[in-house]
C-alpha atoms as a PDB file:
ATOM      1  CA  MET A   1       0.000   0.000   0.000  1.00  0.00           C
ATOM      2  CA  CYS A   2       1.391   3.411  -0.876  1.00  0.00           C
ATOM      3  CA  ARG A   3       2.589   5.982   1.647  1.00  0.00           C
ATOM      4  CA  MET A   4       1.397   9.510   0.908  1.00  0.00           C
ATOM      5  CA  THR A   5       4.087  12.138   1.379  1.00  0.00           C
ATOM      6  CA  THR A   6       4.112  15.919   1.167  1.00  0.00           C
ATOM      7  CA  GLY A   7       2.945  17.029  -2.221  1.00  0.00           C
ATOM      8  CA  ASP A   8       0.529  14.087  -2.391  1.00  0.00           C
ATOM      9  CA  ARG A   9       3.078  11.936  -4.184  1.00  0.00           C
ATOM     10  CA  CYS A  10       2.572   8.202  -3.865  1.00  0.00           C
ATOM     11  CA  GLU A  11       5.722   6.530  -2.578  1.00  0.00           C
ATOM     12  CA  MET A  12       5.684   2.768  -3.055  1.00  0.00           C
ATOM     13  CA  PRO A  13       7.246   0.515  -0.431  1.00  0.00           C
ATOM     14  CA  PRO A  14       9.823  -1.978  -1.685  1.00  0.00           C
ATOM     15  CA  ILE A  15       8.361  -5.306  -2.802  1.00  0.00           C
ATOM     16  CA  PRO A  16      10.462  -8.125  -1.345  1.00  0.00           C
ATOM     17  CA  LEU A  17      11.639 -10.791  -3.754  1.00  0.00           C
ATOM     18  CA  ARG A  18      11.239 -14.386  -2.618  1.00  0.00           C
ATOM     19  CA  SER A  19      13.603 -17.176  -3.493  1.00  0.00           C
ATOM     20  CA  THR A  20      11.350 -19.916  -2.090  1.00  0.00           C
ATOM     21  CA  PRO A  21      10.318 -22.195  -4.953  1.00  0.00           C
ATOM     22  CA  ILE A  22       6.632 -22.584  -5.710  1.00  0.00           C
ATOM     23  CA  LYS A  23       5.449 -26.099  -4.931  1.00  0.00           C
ATOM     24  CA  GLY A  24       1.669 -25.737  -5.047  1.00  0.00           C
ATOM     25  CA  PHE A  25      -1.299 -23.658  -6.124  1.00  0.00           C
ATOM     26  CA  ILE A  26      -4.620 -22.716  -4.583  1.00  0.00           C
ATOM     27  CA  LEU A  27      -7.302 -21.816  -7.127  1.00  0.00           C
ATOM     28  CA  ASP A  28     -10.578 -20.022  -6.687  1.00  0.00           C
ATOM     29  CA  ILE A  29     -13.395 -21.525  -8.764  1.00  0.00           C
ATOM     30  CA  THR A  30     -16.129 -19.089  -9.814  1.00  0.00           C
ATOM     31  CA  GLY A  31     -14.689 -16.363 -12.027  1.00  0.00           C
ATOM     32  CA  VAL A  32     -11.441 -18.294 -12.503  1.00  0.00           C
ATOM     33  CA  LEU A  33     -12.598 -21.620 -13.944  1.00  0.00           C
ATOM     34  CA  TYR A  34     -16.047 -20.587 -15.122  1.00  0.00           C
ATOM     35  CA  ASN A  35     -18.598 -17.790 -14.981  1.00  0.00           C
ATOM     36  CA  SER A  36     -21.958 -18.523 -13.379  1.00  0.00           C
ATOM     37  CA  MET A  37     -25.069 -18.702 -15.549  1.00  0.00           C
ATOM     38  CA  GLU A  38     -28.447 -19.061 -13.864  1.00  0.00           C
ATOM     39  CA  GLY A  39     -30.084 -22.411 -14.441  1.00  0.00           C
ATOM     40  CA  THR A  40     -26.956 -24.026 -15.903  1.00  0.00           C
ATOM     41  CA  ASP A  41     -23.530 -25.278 -14.844  1.00  0.00           C
ATOM     42  CA  GLY A  42     -22.046 -22.023 -16.114  1.00  0.00           C
ATOM     43  CA  ILE A  43     -19.705 -21.121 -18.950  1.00  0.00           C
ATOM     44  CA  PRO A  44     -16.056 -22.255 -18.751  1.00  0.00           C
ATOM     45  CA  ILE A  45     -13.552 -19.452 -19.203  1.00  0.00           C
ATOM     46  CA  GLN A  46     -11.710 -19.850 -22.477  1.00  0.00           C
ATOM     47  CA  GLY A  47      -8.494 -21.837 -22.122  1.00  0.00           C
ATOM     48  CA  SER A  48      -8.944 -22.464 -18.406  1.00  0.00           C
ATOM     49  CA  ALA A  49      -9.830 -26.173 -18.609  1.00  0.00           C
ATOM     50  CA  HIS A  50      -6.665 -27.033 -20.534  1.00  0.00           C
ATOM     51  CA  ALA A  51      -4.484 -24.943 -18.209  1.00  0.00           C
ATOM     52  CA  VAL A  52      -6.051 -26.219 -14.993  1.00  0.00           C
ATOM     53  CA  ASN A  53      -6.073 -29.864 -16.086  1.00  0.00           C
ATOM     54  CA  ARG A  54      -2.356 -29.655 -16.849  1.00  0.00           C
ATOM     55  CA  LEU A  55      -1.592 -27.851 -13.596  1.00  0.00           C
ATOM     56  CA  TYR A  56      -3.638 -30.358 -11.611  1.00  0.00           C
ATOM     57  CA  SER A  57      -1.809 -33.310 -13.167  1.00  0.00           C
ATOM     58  CA  GLU A  58       1.683 -31.853 -12.746  1.00  0.00           C
ATOM     59  CA  SER A  59       1.556 -30.015  -9.405  1.00  0.00           C
ATOM     60  CA  ARG A  60      -0.146 -29.924  -6.022  1.00  0.00           C
ATOM     61  CA  VAL A  61      -3.422 -28.030  -6.389  1.00  0.00           C
ATOM     62  CA  ARG A  62      -6.342 -27.248  -4.116  1.00  0.00           C
ATOM     63  CA  PHE A  63      -9.563 -25.489  -5.078  1.00  0.00           C
ATOM     64  CA  LEU A  64     -10.565 -23.035  -2.337  1.00  0.00           C
ATOM     65  CA  SER A  65     -13.940 -21.416  -2.857  1.00  0.00           C
ATOM     66  CA  ASN A  66     -16.589 -19.436  -1.005  1.00  0.00           C
ATOM     67  CA  GLU A  67     -19.191 -21.272  -3.110  1.00  0.00           C
ATOM     68  CA  SER A  68     -22.260 -21.889  -0.956  1.00  0.00           C
ATOM     69  CA  THR A  69     -25.003 -22.977  -3.349  1.00  0.00           C
ATOM     70  CA  GLY A  70     -23.977 -26.625  -3.647  1.00  0.00           C
ATOM     71  CA  THR A  71     -22.118 -29.388  -1.823  1.00  0.00           C
ATOM     72  CA  VAL A  72     -18.535 -30.336  -2.637  1.00  0.00           C
ATOM     73  CA  GLY A  73     -19.861 -33.275  -4.629  1.00  0.00           C
ATOM     74  CA  HIS A  74     -22.088 -30.935  -6.613  1.00  0.00           C
ATOM     75  CA  VAL A  75     -19.153 -28.617  -7.343  1.00  0.00           C
ATOM     76  CA  VAL A  76     -16.908 -31.484  -8.499  1.00  0.00           C
ATOM     77  CA  GLY A  77     -19.677 -32.846 -10.718  1.00  0.00           C
ATOM     78  CA  LYS A  78     -20.195 -29.437 -12.280  1.00  0.00           C
ATOM     79  CA  LEU A  79     -16.490 -28.998 -12.950  1.00  0.00           C
ATOM     80  CA  GLY A  80     -16.377 -32.413 -14.612  1.00  0.00           C
ATOM     81  CA  ARG A  81     -19.221 -31.484 -16.934  1.00  0.00           C
ATOM     82  CA  LEU A  82     -17.413 -28.251 -17.818  1.00  0.00           C
ATOM     83  CA  GLY A  83     -14.264 -30.119 -18.876  1.00  0.00           C
ATOM     84  CA  TYR A  84     -12.169 -30.145 -15.695  1.00  0.00           C
ATOM     85  CA  THR A  85     -11.244 -33.797 -15.484  1.00  0.00           C
ATOM     86  CA  GLY A  86     -10.226 -36.024 -12.594  1.00  0.00           C
ATOM     87  CA  ILE A  87     -10.730 -33.509  -9.766  1.00  0.00           C
ATOM     88  CA  ARG A  88     -11.113 -35.292  -6.423  1.00  0.00           C
ATOM     89  CA  GLU A  89     -13.592 -34.152  -3.813  1.00  0.00           C
ATOM     90  CA  GLU A  90     -10.884 -34.063  -1.157  1.00  0.00           C
ATOM     91  CA  ASP A  91      -9.077 -31.378  -3.172  1.00  0.00           C
ATOM     92  CA  VAL A  92     -12.072 -29.009  -3.159  1.00  0.00           C
ATOM     93  CA  ILE A  93     -12.750 -26.890  -0.070  1.00  0.00           C
ATOM     94  CA  THR A  94     -15.983 -24.934   0.411  1.00  0.00           C
ATOM     95  CA  PRO A  95     -17.186 -23.110   3.538  1.00  0.00           C
ATOM     96  CA  ALA A  96     -20.345 -25.071   4.404  1.00  0.00           C
ATOM     97  CA  PRO A  97     -18.566 -28.183   5.811  1.00  0.00           C
ATOM     98  CA  THR A  98     -16.135 -25.892   7.641  1.00  0.00           C
ATOM     99  CA  ALA A  99     -19.062 -23.971   9.136  1.00  0.00           C
ATOM    100  CA  ALA A 100     -20.822 -27.174  10.211  1.00  0.00           C
ATOM    101  CA  GLU A 101     -17.672 -28.294  12.005  1.00  0.00           C
ATOM    102  CA  TYR A 102     -17.304 -24.835  13.586  1.00  0.00           C
ATOM    103  CA  CYS A 103     -20.860 -25.072  14.942  1.00  0.00           C
ATOM    104  CA  LYS A 104     -20.268 -28.552  16.372  1.00  0.00           C
ATOM    105  CA  ARG A 105     -17.011 -27.487  17.995  1.00  0.00           C
ATOM    106  CA  ASN A 106     -18.588 -24.422  19.610  1.00  0.00           C
ATOM    107  CA  GLY A 107     -21.964 -25.865  20.604  1.00  0.00           C
ATOM    108  CA  LEU A 108     -23.887 -23.650  18.178  1.00  0.00           C
ATOM    109  CA  ARG A 109     -27.469 -24.218  17.057  1.00  0.00           C
ATOM    110  CA  PRO A 110     -27.853 -22.209  13.869  1.00  0.00           C
ATOM    111  CA  HIS A 111     -30.894 -20.681  12.297  1.00  0.00           C
ATOM    112  CA  LEU A 112     -30.139 -21.322   8.646  1.00  0.00           C
ATOM    113  CA  LEU A 113     -30.600 -18.862   5.801  1.00  0.00           C
ATOM    114  CA  VAL A 114     -28.805 -20.806   3.087  1.00  0.00           C
ATOM    115  CA  HIS A 115     -29.334 -22.231  -0.385  1.00  0.00           C
ATOM    116  CA  PRO A 116     -31.387 -25.472  -0.465  1.00  0.00           C
ATOM    117  CA  GLY A 117     -28.410 -27.122  -2.165  1.00  0.00           C
ATOM    118  CA  ILE A 118     -26.332 -27.131   1.035  1.00  0.00           C
ATOM    119  CA  ARG A 119     -28.930 -27.693   3.754  1.00  0.00           C
ATOM    120  CA  SER A 120     -27.979 -31.368   3.992  1.00  0.00           C
ATOM    121  CA  VAL A 121     -24.487 -30.351   5.168  1.00  0.00           C
ATOM    122  CA  PHE A 122     -26.044 -29.146   8.444  1.00  0.00           C
ATOM    123  CA  ASP A 123     -28.342 -32.126   9.041  1.00  0.00           C
ATOM    124  CA  GLY A 124     -26.353 -33.270  12.088  1.00  0.00           C
ATOM    125  CA  LEU A 125     -26.823 -29.975  13.930  1.00  0.00           C
ATOM    126  CA  SER A 126     -29.643 -29.099  16.290  1.00  0.00           C
ATOM    127  CA  GLN A 127     -31.518 -26.042  15.076  1.00  0.00           C
ATOM    128  CA  GLU A 128     -33.923 -25.755  18.013  1.00  0.00           C
ATOM    129  CA  ASP A 129     -33.732 -22.546  20.057  1.00  0.00           C
ATOM    130  CA  PRO A 130     -31.017 -21.042  17.807  1.00  0.00           C
ATOM    131  CA  ASN A 131     -28.040 -19.329  19.429  1.00  0.00           C
ATOM    132  CA  CYS A 132     -26.628 -18.037  16.128  1.00  0.00           C
ATOM    133  CA  VAL A 133     -27.693 -17.252  12.571  1.00  0.00           C
ATOM    134  CA  LEU A 134     -25.819 -18.778   9.641  1.00  0.00           C
ATOM    135  CA  ILE A 135     -26.195 -17.341   6.154  1.00  0.00           C
ATOM    136  CA  GLY A 136     -24.797 -18.264   2.767  1.00  0.00           C
ATOM    137  CA  ASP A 137     -25.592 -17.367  -0.819  1.00  0.00           C
ATOM    138  CA  ALA A 138     -29.290 -18.165  -0.542  1.00  0.00           C
ATOM    139  CA  GLU A 139     -30.006 -16.534  -3.925  1.00  0.00           C
ATOM    140  CA  HIS A 140     -33.805 -16.344  -4.387  1.00  0.00           C
ATOM    141  CA  ALA A 141     -34.388 -17.274  -0.740  1.00  0.00           C
ATOM    142  CA  PHE A 142     -33.098 -13.832   0.278  1.00  0.00           C
ATOM    143  CA  THR A 143     -36.617 -12.464   0.705  1.00  0.00           C
ATOM    144  CA  PHE A 144     -37.665  -9.753   3.134  1.00  0.00           C
ATOM    145  CA  LYS A 145     -39.470 -12.353   5.238  1.00  0.00           C
ATOM    146  CA  ALA A 146     -36.411 -14.623   5.416  1.00  0.00           C
ATOM    147  CA  ILE A 147     -34.005 -11.807   6.256  1.00  0.00           C
ATOM    148  CA  ASN A 148     -36.354 -10.321   8.840  1.00  0.00           C
ATOM    149  CA  THR A 149     -36.804 -13.724  10.470  1.00  0.00           C
ATOM    150  CA  ALA A 150     -33.016 -14.027  10.775  1.00  0.00           C
ATOM    151  CA  PHE A 151     -32.919 -10.491  12.218  1.00  0.00           C
ATOM    152  CA  ARG A 152     -35.577 -11.376  14.814  1.00  0.00           C
ATOM    153  CA  HIS A 153     -33.635 -14.445  15.910  1.00  0.00           C
ATOM    154  CA  LEU A 154     -30.546 -12.282  16.423  1.00  0.00           C
ATOM    155  CA  MET A 155     -32.510  -9.723  18.415  1.00  0.00           C
ATOM    156  CA  LYS A 156     -33.692 -12.423  20.840  1.00  0.00           C
ATOM    157  CA  MET A 157     -30.158 -13.597  21.645  1.00  0.00           C
ATOM    158  CA  LYS A 158     -28.190 -12.351  24.644  1.00  0.00           C
ATOM    159  CA  ASP A 159     -24.993 -12.475  22.618  1.00  0.00           C
ATOM    160  CA  PRO A 160     -26.150 -12.368  18.987  1.00  0.00           C
ATOM    161  CA  LEU A 161     -23.789 -14.138  16.619  1.00  0.00           C
ATOM    162  CA  LEU A 162     -23.890 -14.168  12.825  1.00  0.00           C
ATOM    163  CA  LEU A 163     -21.883 -16.644  10.755  1.00  0.00           C
ATOM    164  CA  SER A 164     -21.554 -16.027   7.023  1.00  0.00           C
ATOM    165  CA  LEU A 165     -20.176 -18.356   4.365  1.00  0.00           C
ATOM    166  CA  GLY A 166     -17.772 -15.859   2.875  1.00  0.00           C
ATOM    167  CA  CYS A 167     -18.454 -12.133   2.829  1.00  0.00           C
ATOM    168  CA  GLY A 168     -18.214 -11.120  -0.823  1.00  0.00           C
ATOM    169  CA  LYS A 169     -19.748  -7.903  -2.101  1.00  0.00           C
ATOM    170  CA  PHE A 170     -20.768  -9.342  -5.458  1.00  0.00           C
ATOM    171  CA  TYR A 171     -20.010 -12.112  -7.913  1.00  0.00           C
ATOM    172  CA  GLN A 172     -20.027 -12.101 -11.685  1.00  0.00           C
ATOM    173  CA  ARG A 173     -22.636 -13.967 -13.686  1.00  0.00           C
ATOM    174  CA  THR A 174     -22.914 -14.090 -17.476  1.00  0.00           C
ATOM    175  CA  ASP A 175     -25.890 -11.707 -17.353  1.00  0.00           C
ATOM    176  CA  GLY A 176     -24.066  -9.246 -15.091  1.00  0.00           C
ATOM    177  CA  PRO A 177     -22.861  -8.745 -11.503  1.00  0.00           C
ATOM    178  CA  CYS A 178     -24.992 -10.163  -8.655  1.00  0.00           C
ATOM    179  CA  ILE A 179     -25.108  -9.001  -5.050  1.00  0.00           C
ATOM    180  CA  ASP A 180     -23.376 -11.466  -2.736  1.00  0.00           C
ATOM    181  CA  VAL A 181     -23.841 -12.688   0.818  1.00  0.00           C
ATOM    182  CA  GLY A 182     -21.629  -9.976   2.329  1.00  0.00           C
ATOM    183  CA  ALA A 183     -24.232  -7.285   1.667  1.00  0.00           C
ATOM    184  CA  PHE A 184     -26.908  -9.231   3.558  1.00  0.00           C
ATOM    185  CA  ALA A 185     -24.468  -9.994   6.375  1.00  0.00           C
ATOM    186  CA  GLU A 186     -23.670  -6.303   6.734  1.00  0.00           C
ATOM    187  CA  ALA A 187     -27.390  -5.449   6.835  1.00  0.00           C
ATOM    188  CA  LEU A 188     -27.985  -7.936   9.658  1.00  0.00           C
ATOM    189  CA  LYS A 189     -24.888  -6.759  11.506  1.00  0.00           C
ATOM    190  CA  TYR A 190     -25.907  -3.105  11.169  1.00  0.00           C
ATOM    191  CA  SER A 191     -29.483  -3.681  12.281  1.00  0.00           C
ATOM    192  CA  SER A 192     -28.824  -6.058  15.184  1.00  0.00           C
ATOM    193  CA  GLY A 193     -25.356  -5.079  16.425  1.00  0.00           C
ATOM    194  CA  CYS A 194     -24.359  -8.750  16.346  1.00  0.00           C
ATOM    195  CA  ARG A 195     -20.904 -10.271  16.307  1.00  0.00           C
ATOM    196  CA  HIS A 196     -19.961 -11.475  12.846  1.00  0.00           C
ATOM    197  CA  VAL A 197     -17.674 -14.399  12.039  1.00  0.00           C
ATOM    198  CA  VAL A 198     -16.758 -15.097   8.423  1.00  0.00           C
ATOM    199  CA  ILE A 199     -16.249 -18.736   7.455  1.00  0.00           C
ATOM    200  CA  GLY A 200     -14.227 -18.707   4.256  1.00  0.00           C
ATOM    201  CA  LYS A 201     -11.914 -16.339   2.452  1.00  0.00           C
ATOM    202  CA  PRO A 202     -10.319 -13.952   3.330  1.00  0.00           C
ATOM    203  CA  ARG A 203      -9.763 -15.554   6.764  1.00  0.00           C
ATOM    204  CA  GLY A 204      -6.251 -16.873   7.246  1.00  0.00           C
ATOM    205  CA  ASP A 205      -7.395 -20.103   8.882  1.00  0.00           C
ATOM    206  CA  TYR A 206      -9.390 -20.940   5.747  1.00  0.00           C
ATOM    207  CA  PHE A 207      -6.238 -20.641   3.629  1.00  0.00           C
ATOM    208  CA  GLN A 208      -4.418 -22.702   6.260  1.00  0.00           C
ATOM    209  CA  THR A 209      -6.918 -25.528   5.759  1.00  0.00           C
ATOM    210  CA  ALA A 210      -5.813 -25.787   2.138  1.00  0.00           C
ATOM    211  CA  LEU A 211      -2.125 -25.554   3.047  1.00  0.00           C
ATOM    212  CA  ASP A 212      -2.467 -28.290   5.658  1.00  0.00           C
ATOM    213  CA  SER A 213      -4.093 -30.613   3.156  1.00  0.00           C
ATOM    214  CA  MET A 214      -1.168 -30.023   0.773  1.00  0.00           C
ATOM    215  CA  GLY A 215       1.539 -30.384   3.414  1.00  0.00           C
ATOM    216  CA  LEU A 216       3.086 -27.097   2.310  1.00  0.00           C
ATOM    217  CA  ALA A 217       4.039 -23.811   3.942  1.00  0.00           C
ATOM    218  CA  LYS A 218       2.418 -20.517   3.003  1.00  0.00           C
ATOM    219  CA  ASP A 219       5.531 -19.249   1.199  1.00  0.00           C
ATOM    220  CA  GLU A 220       5.538 -22.334  -1.050  1.00  0.00           C
ATOM    221  CA  VAL A 221       2.055 -21.800  -2.477  1.00  0.00           C
ATOM    222  CA  VAL A 222       0.447 -19.219  -4.776  1.00  0.00           C
ATOM    223  CA  MET A 223      -3.217 -18.211  -4.597  1.00  0.00           C
ATOM    224  CA  ILE A 224      -4.934 -17.543  -7.941  1.00  0.00           C
ATOM    225  CA  GLY A 225      -8.278 -15.742  -7.913  1.00  0.00           C
ATOM    226  CA  ASP A 226     -10.436 -13.014  -9.417  1.00  0.00           C
ATOM    227  CA  ASP A 227     -11.404 -11.253  -6.165  1.00  0.00           C
ATOM    228  CA  ILE A 228      -8.871  -8.611  -5.157  1.00  0.00           C
ATOM    229  CA  VAL A 229     -10.152  -8.596  -1.553  1.00  0.00           C
ATOM    230  CA  SER A 230     -11.056 -12.185  -0.655  1.00  0.00           C
ATOM    231  CA  ASP A 231      -8.598 -14.057  -2.882  1.00  0.00           C
ATOM    232  CA  VAL A 232      -5.590 -11.824  -3.476  1.00  0.00           C
ATOM    233  CA  GLY A 233      -5.836  -9.506  -0.477  1.00  0.00           C
ATOM    234  CA  GLY A 234      -6.661 -12.328   1.930  1.00  0.00           C
ATOM    235  CA  ALA A 235      -3.811 -14.510   0.714  1.00  0.00           C
ATOM    236  CA  MET A 236      -1.263 -11.696   0.818  1.00  0.00           C
ATOM    237  CA  ALA A 237      -2.354 -10.598   4.297  1.00  0.00           C
ATOM    238  CA  PHE A 238      -1.822 -14.211   5.374  1.00  0.00           C
ATOM    239  CA  GLY A 239       1.727 -14.161   3.965  1.00  0.00           C
ATOM    240  CA  MET A 240       1.178 -15.963   0.679  1.00  0.00           C
ATOM    241  CA  ARG A 241       1.894 -14.905  -2.868  1.00  0.00           C
ATOM    242  CA  ALA A 242      -1.148 -14.243  -5.038  1.00  0.00           C
ATOM    243  CA  ILE A 243      -2.141 -13.619  -8.641  1.00  0.00           C
ATOM    244  CA  GLN A 244      -5.316 -11.901  -9.809  1.00  0.00           C
ATOM    245  CA  VAL A 245      -6.747 -13.134 -13.104  1.00  0.00           C
ATOM    246  CA  ARG A 246      -8.477 -10.710 -15.455  1.00  0.00           C
ATOM    247  CA  THR A 247     -11.682 -12.716 -15.584  1.00  0.00           C
ATOM    248  CA  GLY A 248     -14.762 -13.046 -13.383  1.00  0.00           C
ATOM    249  CA  LYS A 249     -15.235  -9.992 -11.176  1.00  0.00           C
ATOM    250  CA  TRP A 250     -11.948  -8.371 -12.184  1.00  0.00           C
ATOM    251  CA  ARG A 251     -12.357  -4.650 -12.801  1.00  0.00           C
ATOM    252  CA  TYR A 252      -9.759  -2.214 -14.093  1.00  0.00           C
ATOM    253  CA  HIS A 253      -9.910  -0.022 -10.992  1.00  0.00           C
ATOM    254  CA  THR A 254      -9.086  -2.988  -8.732  1.00  0.00           C
ATOM    255  CA  TYR A 255      -5.660  -3.101 -10.396  1.00  0.00           C
ATOM    256  CA  PHE A 256      -4.723  -0.175  -8.153  1.00  0.00           C
ATOM    257  CA  TYR A 257      -6.231  -1.637  -4.955  1.00  0.00           C
ATOM    258  CA  PHE A 258      -2.933  -2.012  -3.132  1.00  0.00           C
ATOM    259  CA  PHE A 259      -1.380   1.185  -4.427  1.00  0.00           C
ATOM    260  CA  PHE A 260      -3.863   3.999  -3.787  1.00  0.00           C
END
């Protein structure tokens, strides 16, 4: 990030060069491998299937996504239909299973406002007398009634807690940008004054989950994504190297995110 000096001149800090060899890659999915298209598996980004298939066969790769509209099995099946071959479920990490484990570990009984495609992930959790609200990309289920019900649950809690599966501002679909779960999380946080815990990128422990599964250190892996905040910013804040692709939600003005 630049340092402003007298005369409003932007003075860039030195960028350290690393000699540590790259041994693995963490890839985002939506906006990097394909663009979402409502009612379909999406549209693969030109050239990505060939590049990713080669990378996956020749290196250590994990797919780290904030995708919360389908299970890991659903995601892997979709990728297979789009031309990404041989991807194993254990190499794909999404926030819903992580959130379910977080709830179990902390004795949480969530009120769920999530997409029907991931409800089964939380089947083992008690949802009676909720002591937290958990939201994901519920898409068309984000109605006033549903959001207000979540708000009312938070207002009844002594220590209101909101969990969100990621906290993105928007994601890119073929018909244009779509508001993401982060906007609804911020509305609930603003209206209820609740605590807010993000499960997913850009949290460092979410990146660490991928690193642990690879058996690699953070300076041996590169994150590749389209989101300058969750993918690139999160990885760099955690001490990793990162690359932003010019697909998905990439915008020209985000090129200057770390400099102005």
